[in-house]
Amino acid sequence: MTNPKRAQHLSWRKLGEHTVILDSRVNQEVHHLNEVGAYLWELCTGENSLSDIKNNLVSDFDIDEGTADKDIMYFLDELRTKSLLDTTEGTNE
């Protein structure tokens, strides 16, 4: 598995517990992340493995590992669908 990494064509700003992402490509879409999404987004640096991300989420949000796995995979699938993750780079876990 690769370490999730934010796509380079994006700009984002943290606003309190939330994050707003601007996709500067053709449509210049704006994406709004809630507190948990913003937290996961911050961990998508390309240096954190899925295991690292899960351990952080379980620890900081006091949820079980099964729920964390499902939430992370759903979130990453959404980011991939919207082309918000870099699919060309990454390191192996």
Protein backbone atom coordinates (compact mmCIF):
# COMPACT_ATOMS: atom_id res chain seq x y z
CA MET A 1 0.00 0.00 0.00
CA THR A 2 1.10 3.52 -0.58
CA ASN A 3 1.23 6.39 1.81
CA PRO A 4 -1.55 8.83 0.87
CA LYS A 5 -0.27 12.16 -0.43
CA ARG A 6 -2.20 15.31 -1.29
CA ALA A 7 -2.14 16.28 -4.99
CA GLN A 8 0.22 19.14 -5.82
CA HIS A 9 -2.30 21.23 -7.78
CA LEU A 10 -4.32 22.02 -4.64
CA SER A 11 -4.40 24.93 -2.23
CA TRP A 12 -6.00 24.62 1.18
CA ARG A 13 -6.56 26.59 4.32
CA LYS A 14 -7.46 25.45 7.80
CA LEU A 15 -10.36 27.42 9.26
CA GLY A 16 -10.78 26.43 12.89
CA GLU A 17 -11.50 22.71 12.96
CA HIS A 18 -12.41 22.63 9.27
CA THR A 19 -10.37 22.77 6.07
CA VAL A 20 -11.27 24.26 2.70
CA ILE A 21 -9.50 22.89 -0.39
CA LEU A 22 -9.32 24.77 -3.70
CA ASP A 23 -8.77 22.64 -6.78
CA SER A 24 -7.12 25.08 -9.19
CA ARG A 25 -7.75 23.01 -12.31
CA VAL A 26 -10.40 23.86 -14.90
CA ASN A 27 -13.53 24.07 -12.71
CA GLN A 28 -11.77 25.54 -9.66
CA GLU A 29 -13.83 23.42 -7.30
CA VAL A 30 -13.95 24.09 -3.58
CA HIS A 31 -14.11 21.19 -1.13
CA HIS A 32 -15.05 21.58 2.54
CA LEU A 33 -13.77 19.07 5.09
CA ASN A 34 -15.27 18.61 8.53
CA GLU A 35 -13.12 18.16 11.64
CA VAL A 36 -12.29 14.50 11.04
CA GLY A 37 -11.74 15.01 7.31
CA ALA A 38 -9.44 17.96 8.05
CA TYR A 39 -7.54 15.81 10.55
CA LEU A 40 -7.07 13.01 8.01
CA TRP A 41 -6.13 15.51 5.28
CA GLU A 42 -3.32 16.84 7.47
CA LEU A 43 -1.92 13.30 7.72
CA CYS A 44 -1.90 12.78 3.92
CA THR A 45 1.65 14.02 3.49
CA GLY A 46 3.06 10.96 1.74
CA GLU A 47 5.08 10.15 4.84
CA ASN A 48 2.35 8.53 6.95
CA SER A 49 1.36 4.94 6.24
CA LEU A 50 -2.27 3.84 6.42
CA SER A 51 -1.35 2.16 9.68
CA ASP A 52 0.08 5.42 11.06
CA ILE A 53 -3.07 7.29 10.04
CA LYS A 54 -5.31 4.65 11.63
CA ASN A 55 -3.33 4.65 14.89
CA ASN A 56 -3.56 8.44 15.11
CA LEU A 57 -7.28 8.45 14.39
CA VAL A 58 -8.00 5.72 16.97
CA SER A 59 -5.94 7.51 19.59
CA ASP A 60 -7.14 11.06 19.01
CA PHE A 61 -10.83 10.36 18.34
CA ASP A 62 -11.32 7.38 20.67
CA ILE A 63 -12.84 5.07 18.08
CA ASP A 64 -12.26 1.36 17.45
CA GLU A 65 -9.89 0.12 14.74
CA GLY A 66 -12.65 -1.35 12.57
CA THR A 67 -14.50 1.96 12.43
CA ALA A 68 -11.24 3.80 11.77
CA ASP A 69 -10.38 1.46 8.87
CA LYS A 70 -13.80 1.97 7.27
CA ASP A 71 -13.73 5.75 7.75
CA ILE A 72 -10.21 6.10 6.37
CA MET A 73 -10.89 3.95 3.31
CA TYR A 74 -14.12 5.82 2.57
CA PHE A 75 -12.37 9.18 2.93
CA LEU A 76 -9.41 8.18 0.74
CA ASP A 77 -11.76 6.75 -1.91
CA GLU A 78 -13.60 10.08 -1.98
CA LEU A 79 -10.31 11.98 -2.32
CA ARG A 80 -9.21 9.68 -5.16
CA THR A 81 -12.56 10.06 -6.94
CA LYS A 82 -12.15 13.84 -6.81
CA SER A 83 -8.47 13.62 -7.88
CA LEU A 84 -7.30 15.20 -4.63
CA LEU A 85 -4.61 12.58 -3.98
CA ASP A 86 -1.34 12.22 -5.85
CA THR A 87 -1.55 8.88 -7.61
CA THR A 88 1.93 8.99 -9.17
CA GLU A 89 4.08 9.12 -6.05
CA GLY A 90 4.25 7.47 -2.68
CA THR A 91 6.27 4.98 -0.76
CA ASN A 92 5.39 1.43 0.04
CA GLU A 93 4.23 0.52 3.49
